[in-house]
C-alpha atoms as a PDB file:
ATOM      1  CA  MET A   1     -53.607 -65.361-124.477  1.00  0.00           C
ATOM      2  CA  VAL A   2     -52.939 -64.215-120.893  1.00  0.00           C
ATOM      3  CA  THR A   3     -51.203 -60.812-120.674  1.00  0.00           C
ATOM      4  CA  ILE A   4     -49.452 -58.756-117.979  1.00  0.00           C
ATOM      5  CA  LYS A   5     -52.639 -56.690-117.709  1.00  0.00           C
ATOM      6  CA  ASP A   6     -54.635 -59.825-116.802  1.00  0.00           C
ATOM      7  CA  VAL A   7     -52.109 -60.703-114.086  1.00  0.00           C
ATOM      8  CA  ALA A   8     -52.202 -57.117-112.779  1.00  0.00           C
ATOM      9  CA  LYS A   9     -56.001 -57.192-112.582  1.00  0.00           C
ATOM     10  CA  VAL A  10     -56.151 -60.484-110.658  1.00  0.00           C
ATOM     11  CA  SER A  11     -53.374 -59.543-108.241  1.00  0.00           C
ATOM     12  CA  GLY A  12     -54.636 -55.974-107.715  1.00  0.00           C
ATOM     13  CA  VAL A  13     -51.427 -54.196-108.749  1.00  0.00           C
ATOM     14  CA  SER A  14     -50.343 -52.124-111.745  1.00  0.00           C
ATOM     15  CA  PRO A  15     -48.905 -53.753-114.933  1.00  0.00           C
ATOM     16  CA  SER A  16     -45.565 -52.026-114.214  1.00  0.00           C
ATOM     17  CA  THR A  17     -45.436 -53.730-110.795  1.00  0.00           C
ATOM     18  CA  VAL A  18     -46.016 -57.116-112.470  1.00  0.00           C
ATOM     19  CA  SER A  19     -43.077 -56.355-114.821  1.00  0.00           C
ATOM     20  CA  ARG A  20     -40.876 -55.533-111.857  1.00  0.00           C
ATOM     21  CA  VAL A  21     -41.856 -58.778-110.120  1.00  0.00           C
ATOM     22  CA  ILE A  22     -40.930 -60.715-113.291  1.00  0.00           C
ATOM     23  CA  ALA A  23     -37.542 -58.944-113.279  1.00  0.00           C
ATOM     24  CA  ASN A  24     -37.218 -59.791-109.538  1.00  0.00           C
ATOM     25  CA  ASN A  25     -36.747 -56.127-108.650  1.00  0.00           C
ATOM     26  CA  PRO A  26     -35.454 -55.892-105.040  1.00  0.00           C
ATOM     27  CA  ARG A  27     -37.633 -52.811-104.403  1.00  0.00           C
ATOM     28  CA  ILE A  28     -40.821 -54.868-104.623  1.00  0.00           C
ATOM     29  CA  SER A  29     -41.881 -56.409-101.301  1.00  0.00           C
ATOM     30  CA  GLU A  30     -41.875 -60.184-100.847  1.00  0.00           C
ATOM     31  CA  GLU A  31     -45.616 -60.082-100.093  1.00  0.00           C
ATOM     32  CA  THR A  32     -46.370 -58.375-103.449  1.00  0.00           C
ATOM     33  CA  LYS A  33     -44.075 -60.807-105.268  1.00  0.00           C
ATOM     34  CA  ARG A  34     -45.906 -63.775-103.733  1.00  0.00           C
ATOM     35  CA  LYS A  35     -49.295 -62.299-104.687  1.00  0.00           C
ATOM     36  CA  VAL A  36     -48.258 -61.613-108.308  1.00  0.00           C
ATOM     37  CA  ARG A  37     -46.553 -64.991-108.752  1.00  0.00           C
ATOM     38  CA  LYS A  38     -49.650 -66.736-107.382  1.00  0.00           C
ATOM     39  CA  ALA A  39     -51.790 -64.912-109.971  1.00  0.00           C
ATOM     40  CA  MET A  40     -49.317 -65.803-112.748  1.00  0.00           C
ATOM     41  CA  LYS A  41     -49.484 -69.454-111.767  1.00  0.00           C
ATOM     42  CA  GLU A  42     -53.293 -69.502-111.557  1.00  0.00           C
ATOM     43  CA  LEU A  43     -53.653 -67.814-114.958  1.00  0.00           C
ATOM     44  CA  GLY A  44     -50.913 -69.896-116.575  1.00  0.00           C
ATOM     45  CA  TYR A  45     -48.941 -66.780-117.525  1.00  0.00           C
ATOM     46  CA  HIS A  46     -45.342 -67.207-118.788  1.00  0.00           C
ATOM     47  CA  PRO A  47     -43.219 -64.100-119.410  1.00  0.00           C
ATOM     48  CA  ASN A  48     -41.729 -63.613-122.875  1.00  0.00           C
ATOM     49  CA  ILE A  49     -38.088 -64.205-121.977  1.00  0.00           C
ATOM     50  CA  SER A  50     -36.788 -63.380-125.469  1.00  0.00           C
ATOM     51  CA  ALA A  51     -38.417 -59.961-125.483  1.00  0.00           C
ATOM     52  CA  ARG A  52     -37.181 -59.234-121.972  1.00  0.00           C
ATOM     53  CA  ASN A  53     -33.641 -60.291-122.827  1.00  0.00           C
ATOM     54  CA  LEU A  54     -33.699 -58.121-125.955  1.00  0.00           C
ATOM     55  CA  VAL A  55     -34.331 -55.068-123.804  1.00  0.00           C
ATOM     56  CA  ALA A  56     -31.616 -56.137-121.348  1.00  0.00           C
ATOM     57  CA  LYS A  57     -29.197 -56.878-124.255  1.00  0.00           C
ATOM     58  CA  SER A  58     -28.646 -60.330-122.778  1.00  0.00           C
ATOM     59  CA  THR A  59     -29.683 -63.786-123.996  1.00  0.00           C
ATOM     60  CA  LYS A  60     -29.406 -65.404-120.531  1.00  0.00           C
ATOM     61  CA  ALA A  61     -27.921 -68.358-122.399  1.00  0.00           C
ATOM     62  CA  ILE A  62     -24.449 -69.852-122.512  1.00  0.00           C
ATOM     63  CA  GLY A  63     -22.848 -71.954-125.230  1.00  0.00           C
ATOM     64  CA  VAL A  64     -21.076 -75.207-124.330  1.00  0.00           C
ATOM     65  CA  ILE A  65     -18.696 -76.581-126.962  1.00  0.00           C
ATOM     66  CA  LEU A  66     -17.823 -80.278-127.073  1.00  0.00           C
ATOM     67  CA  PRO A  67     -14.463 -81.304-128.544  1.00  0.00           C
ATOM     68  CA  SER A  68     -15.692 -83.633-131.306  1.00  0.00           C
ATOM     69  CA  SER A  69     -18.960 -84.852-132.786  1.00  0.00           C
ATOM     70  CA  ALA A  70     -21.598 -85.126-130.056  1.00  0.00           C
ATOM     71  CA  ASN A  71     -22.235 -88.678-131.205  1.00  0.00           C
ATOM     72  CA  LYS A  72     -18.662 -89.581-130.259  1.00  0.00           C
ATOM     73  CA  ALA A  73     -18.078 -87.322-127.240  1.00  0.00           C
ATOM     74  CA  LEU A  74     -21.301 -88.284-125.468  1.00  0.00           C
ATOM     75  CA  GLN A  75     -20.276 -91.951-125.485  1.00  0.00           C
ATOM     76  CA  ASN A  76     -17.818 -90.920-122.790  1.00  0.00           C
ATOM     77  CA  PRO A  77     -19.544 -90.526-119.376  1.00  0.00           C
ATOM     78  CA  PHE A  78     -17.193 -87.583-118.639  1.00  0.00           C
ATOM     79  CA  PHE A  79     -19.305 -85.269-120.803  1.00  0.00           C
ATOM     80  CA  PRO A  80     -22.809 -85.994-119.408  1.00  0.00           C
ATOM     81  CA  GLU A  81     -21.352 -85.574-115.900  1.00  0.00           C
ATOM     82  CA  ILE A  82     -19.639 -82.234-116.626  1.00  0.00           C
ATOM     83  CA  LEU A  83     -22.856 -81.027-118.311  1.00  0.00           C
ATOM     84  CA  ARG A  84     -24.754 -82.010-115.140  1.00  0.00           C
ATOM     85  CA  GLY A  85     -22.426 -79.743-113.145  1.00  0.00           C
ATOM     86  CA  ILE A  86     -22.888 -76.855-115.596  1.00  0.00           C
ATOM     87  CA  MET A  87     -26.680 -77.236-115.614  1.00  0.00           C
ATOM     88  CA  SER A  88     -26.890 -77.269-111.804  1.00  0.00           C
ATOM     89  CA  VAL A  89     -25.504 -73.706-111.774  1.00  0.00           C
ATOM     90  CA  ILE A  90     -27.289 -72.226-114.792  1.00  0.00           C
ATOM     91  CA  HIS A  91     -30.620 -73.643-113.586  1.00  0.00           C
ATOM     92  CA  GLU A  92     -30.288 -71.640-110.349  1.00  0.00           C
ATOM     93  CA  VAL A  93     -29.791 -68.336-112.218  1.00  0.00           C
ATOM     94  CA  GLU A  94     -32.426 -69.176-114.874  1.00  0.00           C
ATOM     95  CA  TYR A  95     -29.959 -69.326-117.763  1.00  0.00           C
ATOM     96  CA  SER A  96     -30.348 -71.757-120.634  1.00  0.00           C
ATOM     97  CA  MET A  97     -27.655 -73.784-122.384  1.00  0.00           C
ATOM     98  CA  SER A  98     -26.880 -74.191-126.062  1.00  0.00           C
ATOM     99  CA  LEU A  99     -24.855 -77.371-126.612  1.00  0.00           C
ATOM    100  CA  SER A 100     -22.768 -77.436-129.737  1.00  0.00           C
ATOM    101  CA  THR A 101     -20.210 -79.488-131.600  1.00  0.00           C
ATOM    102  CA  GLY A 102     -19.157 -80.528-135.092  1.00  0.00           C
ATOM    103  CA  GLU A 103     -17.573 -83.473-136.921  1.00  0.00           C
ATOM    104  CA  THR A 104     -14.395 -81.464-137.547  1.00  0.00           C
ATOM    105  CA  GLU A 105     -12.503 -78.586-135.907  1.00  0.00           C
ATOM    106  CA  GLU A 106     -13.622 -76.383-138.827  1.00  0.00           C
ATOM    107  CA  GLU A 107     -17.300 -77.187-138.215  1.00  0.00           C
ATOM    108  CA  ILE A 108     -16.927 -76.384-134.506  1.00  0.00           C
ATOM    109  CA  PHE A 109     -15.249 -73.088-135.418  1.00  0.00           C
ATOM    110  CA  HIS A 110     -18.120 -72.064-137.741  1.00  0.00           C
ATOM    111  CA  GLU A 111     -20.685 -73.029-135.102  1.00  0.00           C
ATOM    112  CA  VAL A 112     -18.986 -70.796-132.494  1.00  0.00           C
ATOM    113  CA  GLN A 113     -18.817 -67.937-135.042  1.00  0.00           C
ATOM    114  CA  ARG A 114     -22.569 -68.328-135.603  1.00  0.00           C
ATOM    115  CA  MET A 115     -23.242 -68.246-131.840  1.00  0.00           C
ATOM    116  CA  VAL A 116     -21.163 -65.102-131.311  1.00  0.00           C
ATOM    117  CA  HIS A 117     -22.133 -63.098-134.410  1.00  0.00           C
ATOM    118  CA  GLY A 118     -25.790 -64.067-134.065  1.00  0.00           C
ATOM    119  CA  SER A 119     -25.821 -63.032-130.365  1.00  0.00           C
ATOM    120  CA  TYR A 120     -27.300 -66.412-129.441  1.00  0.00           C
ATOM    121  CA  VAL A 121     -25.356 -66.661-126.169  1.00  0.00           C
ATOM    122  CA  ASP A 122     -23.733 -64.366-123.581  1.00  0.00           C
ATOM    123  CA  GLY A 123     -20.627 -66.519-123.175  1.00  0.00           C
ATOM    124  CA  VAL A 124     -19.024 -69.850-124.065  1.00  0.00           C
ATOM    125  CA  ILE A 125     -17.519 -72.796-122.155  1.00  0.00           C
ATOM    126  CA  LEU A 126     -14.979 -74.852-124.139  1.00  0.00           C
ATOM    127  CA  LEU A 127     -14.842 -78.439-122.856  1.00  0.00           C
ATOM    128  CA  TYR A 128     -11.356 -78.965-124.269  1.00  0.00           C
ATOM    129  CA  SER A 129      -8.012 -77.201-124.611  1.00  0.00           C
ATOM    130  CA  ARG A 130      -6.088 -77.737-127.835  1.00  0.00           C
ATOM    131  CA  ILE A 131      -2.827 -76.329-129.190  1.00  0.00           C
ATOM    132  CA  ASN A 132      -3.308 -73.375-131.609  1.00  0.00           C
ATOM    133  CA  ASP A 133      -7.081 -73.648-131.382  1.00  0.00           C
ATOM    134  CA  LYS A 134      -8.938 -71.410-133.887  1.00  0.00           C
ATOM    135  CA  VAL A 135     -11.973 -71.139-131.612  1.00  0.00           C
ATOM    136  CA  THR A 136      -9.929 -69.813-128.666  1.00  0.00           C
ATOM    137  CA  ASN A 137      -8.151 -67.298-130.914  1.00  0.00           C
ATOM    138  CA  PHE A 138     -11.477 -66.133-132.364  1.00  0.00           C
ATOM    139  CA  LEU A 139     -13.103 -65.652-128.935  1.00  0.00           C
ATOM    140  CA  ARG A 140     -10.111 -63.634-127.753  1.00  0.00           C
ATOM    141  CA  GLU A 141     -10.151 -61.441-130.882  1.00  0.00           C
ATOM    142  CA  GLN A 142     -13.866 -60.767-130.372  1.00  0.00           C
ATOM    143  CA  ASP A 143     -13.328 -60.026-126.667  1.00  0.00           C
ATOM    144  CA  PHE A 144     -16.194 -62.467-126.037  1.00  0.00           C
ATOM    145  CA  PRO A 145     -16.630 -63.993-122.541  1.00  0.00           C
ATOM    146  CA  PHE A 146     -15.381 -67.581-122.474  1.00  0.00           C
ATOM    147  CA  VAL A 147     -13.964 -70.156-120.068  1.00  0.00           C
ATOM    148  CA  ILE A 148     -11.820 -73.192-120.849  1.00  0.00           C
ATOM    149  CA  VAL A 149     -12.104 -76.493-119.003  1.00  0.00           C
ATOM    150  CA  GLY A 150      -8.447 -77.464-119.120  1.00  0.00           C
ATOM    151  CA  LYS A 151      -5.208 -75.519-119.452  1.00  0.00           C
ATOM    152  CA  PRO A 152      -5.030 -72.820-122.158  1.00  0.00           C
ATOM    153  CA  TYR A 153      -2.339 -73.441-124.773  1.00  0.00           C
ATOM    154  CA  ASP A 154      -1.104 -69.849-124.519  1.00  0.00           C
ATOM    155  CA  PHE A 155      -0.469 -69.939-120.790  1.00  0.00           C
ATOM    156  CA  GLU A 156       1.209 -66.527-120.798  1.00  0.00           C
ATOM    157  CA  THR A 157      -2.073 -64.904-121.847  1.00  0.00           C
ATOM    158  CA  GLU A 158      -4.663 -64.425-119.143  1.00  0.00           C
ATOM    159  CA  ILE A 159      -7.527 -66.783-119.936  1.00  0.00           C
ATOM    160  CA  THR A 160     -10.037 -67.914-117.315  1.00  0.00           C
ATOM    161  CA  HIS A 161      -9.855 -71.684-116.968  1.00  0.00           C
ATOM    162  CA  VAL A 162     -10.952 -74.488-114.660  1.00  0.00           C
ATOM    163  CA  ASP A 163      -8.658 -77.486-114.492  1.00  0.00           C
ATOM    164  CA  ASN A 164      -7.095 -80.235-112.387  1.00  0.00           C
ATOM    165  CA  ASP A 165      -3.382 -80.497-111.696  1.00  0.00           C
ATOM    166  CA  ASN A 166      -3.080 -83.246-114.299  1.00  0.00           C
ATOM    167  CA  PHE A 167       0.718 -83.370-114.114  1.00  0.00           C
ATOM    168  CA  ARG A 168       0.581 -84.066-110.382  1.00  0.00           C
ATOM    169  CA  ALA A 169      -2.267 -86.565-110.809  1.00  0.00           C
ATOM    170  CA  GLY A 170      -0.311 -88.430-113.521  1.00  0.00           C
ATOM    171  CA  LYS A 171       2.760 -88.528-111.291  1.00  0.00           C
ATOM    172  CA  GLU A 172       0.878 -89.717-108.189  1.00  0.00           C
ATOM    173  CA  ILE A 173      -1.018 -92.520-109.934  1.00  0.00           C
ATOM    174  CA  THR A 174       2.214 -93.766-111.572  1.00  0.00           C
ATOM    175  CA  GLU A 175       4.009 -93.644-108.211  1.00  0.00           C
ATOM    176  CA  HIS A 176       1.264 -95.910-106.839  1.00  0.00           C
ATOM    177  CA  LEU A 177       2.237 -98.607-109.372  1.00  0.00           C
ATOM    178  CA  ILE A 178       5.964 -98.067-108.684  1.00  0.00           C
ATOM    179  CA  SER A 179       5.360 -98.450-104.919  1.00  0.00           C
ATOM    180  CA  LEU A 180       3.901-101.907-105.631  1.00  0.00           C
ATOM    181  CA  GLY A 181       7.075-103.033-107.416  1.00  0.00           C
ATOM    182  CA  HIS A 182       6.157-102.285-111.034  1.00  0.00           C
ATOM    183  CA  LYS A 183       9.053-101.161-113.251  1.00  0.00           C
ATOM    184  CA  GLN A 184       7.700-101.872-116.730  1.00  0.00           C
ATOM    185  CA  ILE A 185       4.811 -99.422-116.880  1.00  0.00           C
ATOM    186  CA  GLY A 186       2.946 -98.397-120.028  1.00  0.00           C
ATOM    187  CA  PHE A 187       0.958 -95.225-120.698  1.00  0.00           C
ATOM    188  CA  ILE A 188      -2.196 -95.174-122.834  1.00  0.00           C
ATOM    189  CA  GLY A 189      -3.351 -91.637-123.637  1.00  0.00           C
ATOM    190  CA  GLY A 190      -5.655 -89.678-125.916  1.00  0.00           C
ATOM    191  CA  SER A 191      -4.701 -87.191-128.619  1.00  0.00           C
ATOM    192  CA  ARG A 192      -1.269 -85.562-128.192  1.00  0.00           C
ATOM    193  CA  ASP A 193      -2.899 -82.249-129.199  1.00  0.00           C
ATOM    194  CA  LEU A 194      -4.874 -82.155-125.953  1.00  0.00           C
ATOM    195  CA  PHE A 195      -3.189 -80.571-122.947  1.00  0.00           C
ATOM    196  CA  VAL A 196      -4.854 -82.971-120.537  1.00  0.00           C
ATOM    197  CA  THR A 197      -2.996 -85.862-122.240  1.00  0.00           C
ATOM    198  CA  ARG A 198       0.327 -83.980-122.294  1.00  0.00           C
ATOM    199  CA  ASP A 199       0.153 -83.115-118.597  1.00  0.00           C
ATOM    200  CA  ARG A 200      -0.763 -86.654-117.550  1.00  0.00           C
ATOM    201  CA  VAL A 201       1.959 -88.260-119.674  1.00  0.00           C
ATOM    202  CA  ASN A 202       4.533 -85.758-118.365  1.00  0.00           C
ATOM    203  CA  GLY A 203       3.542 -86.653-114.794  1.00  0.00           C
ATOM    204  CA  TYR A 204       3.945 -90.343-115.654  1.00  0.00           C
ATOM    205  CA  LEU A 205       7.406 -89.713-117.138  1.00  0.00           C
ATOM    206  CA  ALA A 206       8.466 -87.614-114.122  1.00  0.00           C
ATOM    207  CA  ALA A 207       7.494 -90.456-111.749  1.00  0.00           C
ATOM    208  CA  LEU A 208       9.535 -92.970-113.781  1.00  0.00           C
ATOM    209  CA  GLN A 209      12.520 -90.629-113.890  1.00  0.00           C
ATOM    210  CA  GLU A 210      12.466 -90.000-110.128  1.00  0.00           C
ATOM    211  CA  ALA A 211      12.353 -93.750-109.516  1.00  0.00           C
ATOM    212  CA  GLY A 212      15.284 -94.303-111.898  1.00  0.00           C
ATOM    213  CA  ILE A 213      13.124 -96.267-114.367  1.00  0.00           C
ATOM    214  CA  GLU A 214      13.928 -95.762-118.029  1.00  0.00           C
ATOM    215  CA  ASP A 215      10.868 -94.911-120.134  1.00  0.00           C
ATOM    216  CA  CYS A 216      10.154 -97.136-123.125  1.00  0.00           C
ATOM    217  CA  GLU A 217       8.703 -95.630-126.332  1.00  0.00           C
ATOM    218  CA  SER A 218       6.899 -98.873-127.260  1.00  0.00           C
ATOM    219  CA  PHE A 219       5.043 -98.730-123.907  1.00  0.00           C
ATOM    220  CA  MET A 220       3.435 -95.372-124.812  1.00  0.00           C
ATOM    221  CA  ILE A 221       0.338 -95.352-127.023  1.00  0.00           C
ATOM    222  CA  HIS A 222      -1.921 -92.450-127.997  1.00  0.00           C
ATOM    223  CA  THR A 223      -5.447 -93.307-129.064  1.00  0.00           C
ATOM    224  CA  GLU A 224      -8.987 -91.893-128.989  1.00  0.00           C
ATOM    225  CA  PHE A 225     -10.894 -91.462-125.710  1.00  0.00           C
ATOM    226  CA  LEU A 226     -13.141 -94.310-126.801  1.00  0.00           C
ATOM    227  CA  LYS A 227     -13.661 -97.944-125.963  1.00  0.00           C
ATOM    228  CA  SER A 228     -12.366 -98.975-129.419  1.00  0.00           C
ATOM    229  CA  GLY A 229      -9.149 -97.082-128.673  1.00  0.00           C
ATOM    230  CA  GLY A 230      -8.516 -99.419-125.767  1.00  0.00           C
ATOM    231  CA  ARG A 231      -8.824-102.463-127.984  1.00  0.00           C
ATOM    232  CA  GLU A 232      -6.159-101.173-130.395  1.00  0.00           C
ATOM    233  CA  ALA A 233      -3.830-100.441-127.475  1.00  0.00           C
ATOM    234  CA  VAL A 234      -4.074-104.027-126.162  1.00  0.00           C
ATOM    235  CA  GLU A 235      -3.321-105.507-129.604  1.00  0.00           C
ATOM    236  CA  HIS A 236      -0.090-103.472-129.727  1.00  0.00           C
ATOM    237  CA  LEU A 237       1.004-104.256-126.147  1.00  0.00           C
ATOM    238  CA  MET A 238       0.393-107.979-126.503  1.00  0.00           C
ATOM    239  CA  SER A 239       2.563-108.054-129.644  1.00  0.00           C
ATOM    240  CA  LEU A 240       5.620-106.861-127.632  1.00  0.00           C
ATOM    241  CA  ASP A 241       8.330-109.368-126.610  1.00  0.00           C
ATOM    242  CA  THR A 242       8.102-108.095-123.013  1.00  0.00           C
ATOM    243  CA  PRO A 243       4.687-106.524-122.276  1.00  0.00           C
ATOM    244  CA  PRO A 244       4.394-104.081-119.340  1.00  0.00           C
ATOM    245  CA  THR A 245       3.290-105.315-115.909  1.00  0.00           C
ATOM    246  CA  GLY A 246       1.434-102.076-115.141  1.00  0.00           C
ATOM    247  CA  LEU A 247      -0.593 -99.593-117.187  1.00  0.00           C
ATOM    248  CA  VAL A 248      -1.497 -95.942-116.631  1.00  0.00           C
ATOM    249  CA  VAL A 249      -4.563 -95.243-118.771  1.00  0.00           C
ATOM    250  CA  SER A 250      -5.575 -91.625-119.389  1.00  0.00           C
ATOM    251  CA  ASP A 251      -9.336 -92.240-119.420  1.00  0.00           C
ATOM    252  CA  ASP A 252     -11.708 -94.739-117.781  1.00  0.00           C
ATOM    253  CA  LEU A 253     -13.510 -95.433-121.056  1.00  0.00           C
ATOM    254  CA  ILE A 254     -10.286 -96.612-122.728  1.00  0.00           C
ATOM    255  CA  SER A 255      -9.684 -98.784-119.641  1.00  0.00           C
ATOM    256  CA  LEU A 256     -13.064-100.494-120.106  1.00  0.00           C
ATOM    257  CA  GLY A 257     -12.201-101.366-123.708  1.00  0.00           C
ATOM    258  CA  MET A 258      -8.838-102.677-122.577  1.00  0.00           C
ATOM    259  CA  LEU A 259     -10.324-104.850-119.818  1.00  0.00           C
ATOM    260  CA  SER A 260     -12.559-106.754-122.252  1.00  0.00           C
ATOM    261  CA  MET A 261      -9.742-107.084-124.809  1.00  0.00           C
ATOM    262  CA  LEU A 262      -7.231-108.332-122.206  1.00  0.00           C
ATOM    263  CA  GLU A 263      -9.803-110.943-121.185  1.00  0.00           C
ATOM    264  CA  GLU A 264      -9.940-112.141-124.811  1.00  0.00           C
ATOM    265  CA  TYR A 265      -6.151-112.562-124.710  1.00  0.00           C
ATOM    266  CA  GLY A 266      -6.451-114.524-121.468  1.00  0.00           C
ATOM    267  CA  VAL A 267      -4.631-111.787-119.539  1.00  0.00           C
ATOM    268  CA  ARG A 268      -6.050-111.275-116.039  1.00  0.00           C
ATOM    269  CA  VAL A 269      -6.325-107.913-114.285  1.00  0.00           C
ATOM    270  CA  PRO A 270      -4.752-107.449-111.738  1.00  0.00           C
ATOM    271  CA  GLN A 271      -3.062-110.877-111.458  1.00  0.00           C
ATOM    272  CA  ASP A 272      -1.131-110.598-114.762  1.00  0.00           C
ATOM    273  CA  ILE A 273      -1.226-106.866-115.388  1.00  0.00           C
ATOM    274  CA  SER A 274      -2.186-103.964-113.102  1.00  0.00           C
ATOM    275  CA  MET A 275      -4.176-101.034-114.437  1.00  0.00           C
ATOM    276  CA  VAL A 276      -4.822 -97.527-113.120  1.00  0.00           C
ATOM    277  CA  SER A 277      -6.953 -94.895-114.790  1.00  0.00           C
ATOM    278  CA  PHE A 278      -8.371 -91.366-114.708  1.00  0.00           C
ATOM    279  CA  ASN A 279     -11.742 -89.608-114.254  1.00  0.00           C
ATOM    280  CA  ASN A 280     -13.650 -91.959-111.907  1.00  0.00           C
ATOM    281  CA  VAL A 281     -16.756 -92.094-114.103  1.00  0.00           C
ATOM    282  CA  TYR A 282     -19.581 -94.200-112.651  1.00  0.00           C
ATOM    283  CA  LEU A 283     -18.694 -97.194-114.859  1.00  0.00           C
ATOM    284  CA  SER A 284     -15.253 -97.508-113.234  1.00  0.00           C
ATOM    285  CA  GLU A 285     -16.857 -98.667-109.979  1.00  0.00           C
ATOM    286  CA  ILE A 286     -19.245-101.252-111.419  1.00  0.00           C
ATOM    287  CA  THR A 287     -16.881-102.914-113.909  1.00  0.00           C
ATOM    288  CA  ARG A 288     -15.018-106.075-112.843  1.00  0.00           C
ATOM    289  CA  PRO A 289     -12.424-105.610-111.588  1.00  0.00           C
ATOM    290  CA  ALA A 290     -13.409-102.161-110.310  1.00  0.00           C
ATOM    291  CA  LEU A 291     -10.815 -99.615-111.450  1.00  0.00           C
ATOM    292  CA  THR A 292      -8.278 -97.813-109.301  1.00  0.00           C
ATOM    293  CA  THR A 293      -8.636 -94.345-110.773  1.00  0.00           C
ATOM    294  CA  VAL A 294      -8.019 -90.634-110.228  1.00  0.00           C
ATOM    295  CA  ASP A 295     -11.240 -88.873-109.248  1.00  0.00           C
ATOM    296  CA  ILE A 296     -10.981 -85.476-110.976  1.00  0.00           C
ATOM    297  CA  GLN A 297     -14.355 -84.250-109.585  1.00  0.00           C
ATOM    298  CA  ILE A 298     -15.997 -83.908-113.026  1.00  0.00           C
ATOM    299  CA  TYR A 299     -19.227 -82.402-111.649  1.00  0.00           C
ATOM    300  CA  ASP A 300     -17.251 -79.655-109.872  1.00  0.00           C
ATOM    301  CA  LEU A 301     -15.278 -78.880-113.046  1.00  0.00           C
ATOM    302  CA  GLY A 302     -18.613 -78.170-114.749  1.00  0.00           C
ATOM    303  CA  ALA A 303     -20.177 -76.216-111.885  1.00  0.00           C
ATOM    304  CA  GLN A 304     -17.137 -73.976-111.385  1.00  0.00           C
ATOM    305  CA  SER A 305     -16.776 -73.287-115.123  1.00  0.00           C
ATOM    306  CA  ALA A 306     -20.430 -72.162-115.275  1.00  0.00           C
ATOM    307  CA  LYS A 307     -20.028 -69.936-112.188  1.00  0.00           C
ATOM    308  CA  VAL A 308     -16.974 -68.091-113.500  1.00  0.00           C
ATOM    309  CA  LEU A 309     -18.477 -67.723-116.979  1.00  0.00           C
ATOM    310  CA  ILE A 310     -21.676 -66.147-115.624  1.00  0.00           C
ATOM    311  CA  GLU A 311     -19.509 -63.742-113.578  1.00  0.00           C
ATOM    312  CA  LYS A 312     -17.686 -62.804-116.793  1.00  0.00           C
ATOM    313  CA  THR A 313     -20.916 -62.289-118.770  1.00  0.00           C
ATOM    314  CA  LYS A 314     -22.171 -59.891-116.105  1.00  0.00           C
ATOM    315  CA  ASN A 315     -18.875 -58.013-115.839  1.00  0.00           C
ATOM    316  CA  LYS A 316     -16.533 -58.068-118.830  1.00  0.00           C
ATOM    317  CA  ASN A 317     -13.806 -56.514-116.670  1.00  0.00           C
ATOM    318  CA  GLU A 318     -13.811 -59.492-114.308  1.00  0.00           C
ATOM    319  CA  PRO A 319     -10.120 -60.509-114.005  1.00  0.00           C
ATOM    320  CA  ALA A 320      -8.988 -63.845-115.446  1.00  0.00           C
ATOM    321  CA  LYS A 321      -9.091 -66.706-112.941  1.00  0.00           C
ATOM    322  CA  ARG A 322      -7.257 -70.020-112.678  1.00  0.00           C
ATOM    323  CA  ILE A 323      -9.354 -72.485-110.697  1.00  0.00           C
ATOM    324  CA  ILE A 324      -7.767 -75.829-109.839  1.00  0.00           C
ATOM    325  CA  ILE A 325     -10.208 -78.566-108.773  1.00  0.00           C
ATOM    326  CA  PRO A 326      -8.542 -81.023-106.344  1.00  0.00           C
ATOM    327  CA  HIS A 327      -8.202 -84.682-107.305  1.00  0.00           C
ATOM    328  CA  LYS A 328      -7.902 -87.862-105.240  1.00  0.00           C
ATOM    329  CA  ILE A 329      -6.993 -91.452-106.010  1.00  0.00           C
ATOM    330  CA  VAL A 330      -9.789 -93.978-105.492  1.00  0.00           C
ATOM    331  CA  TYR A 331      -8.180 -97.336-104.675  1.00  0.00           C
ATOM    332  CA  ARG A 332     -10.075-100.370-106.002  1.00  0.00           C
ATOM    333  CA  ASP A 333      -9.306-103.849-107.378  1.00  0.00           C
ATOM    334  CA  SER A 334      -7.389-103.379-110.667  1.00  0.00           C
ATOM    335  CA  VAL A 335      -3.908-103.236-109.081  1.00  0.00           C
ATOM    336  CA  SER A 336      -1.735-105.848-107.366  1.00  0.00           C
ATOM    337  CA  GLU A 337       1.903-106.126-106.276  1.00  0.00           C
ATOM    338  CA  ASN A 338       4.464-107.132-108.884  1.00  0.00           C
ATOM    339  CA  SER A 339       6.539-109.845-107.317  1.00  0.00           C
END
C-alpha cells in the first residue's frame, strides 16, 4: 500500500508537506503542490478522507432527504434535476452526498435521526416543506445545519430556504388562460400538506377572483405528483356536467398522465381543453402537444440550496437566508383561445 512517506520520497519533500498539500494549505507554493500531486498520481496514492475528516470533525458530506419513497419520488424528473444542481456544487468543494428517504414520514424521520446522531453528514437539505414536519422540528431542536427547498411551515421562525414565488407563478399562469377567454378553469394539485401546492392554488384562486370568476369546488382536485394521479383527475373532470375549458396543473408529470387519458376520452388538447403546467421538466417539451409550463429553474434550486447549506456547515452562526429563484412561463402548444 502506498503511504504519505512514499509520496514524500518521490516528490523530494517531507511527509508533513505532503499532508499540507492534501489539505490544500495556502502556505504551500503552487509549484510544490504540482510536484506532490504528480507523485500522488504516478504512485496511485489516495488520501484517507475518513481519517482526515475525523481530525477536522467534519464528514464533508451532506444529507439530501426526498419527500417519499425514492422509488416513487425518482419517477418525477424534478428530483433527478434538482439533485444534478446539488451535485454540481458539492463536486466543486469535494463534498459527498448521502441520499435518503423512506416509505413513510416516520421512516424518513428515523433516517434523519440516524444521520444526525451518527455524525454521518455535516448538514441536511430537505427537498420538501410540509406542515408540522417532525424532521424540521428535530433539526431545529438539535441546532443542526439544514436548508429547505420550499417555504418553511413556521414562517415566523428564521429558517434558511430556497424557493420560487409559487403564489405569483400560480397567479400568472392562470391569468394566461383567462387572457385567452377561459372562465371555467380547473386546478389539479398535489398533496394539500405541501406548501408548494397551497401557494400555487392560492395564486390560481387570486387570479380568478381578480377577474371576477367564481371558483368551483368540483374543478379543484388534489392528487399525487405522479402520472397515475393525472389519470384519476381526468376521470373525475369528464364525469362533470360542464367540464372546464382550461386546466392549471401543479406538476408536469401529472399533466403527462392527463394528456394520455384525455386522448382516451377523445378530448383534444388544446382544441377542446387548454392545459398549463409547472416545473418545465425535459418531458414537457417533447410530449405532444408540448406543454405551456412555468419554468421554476429546478437546477438552480438545487445548486443554491447546496451553496447555502455548505456556508451553514462551515459557520453555524451564518444568518438565515431566504433565496427566491425567479420563474418564467414557457409558451408552447397546449393552450388555445376559448371562443
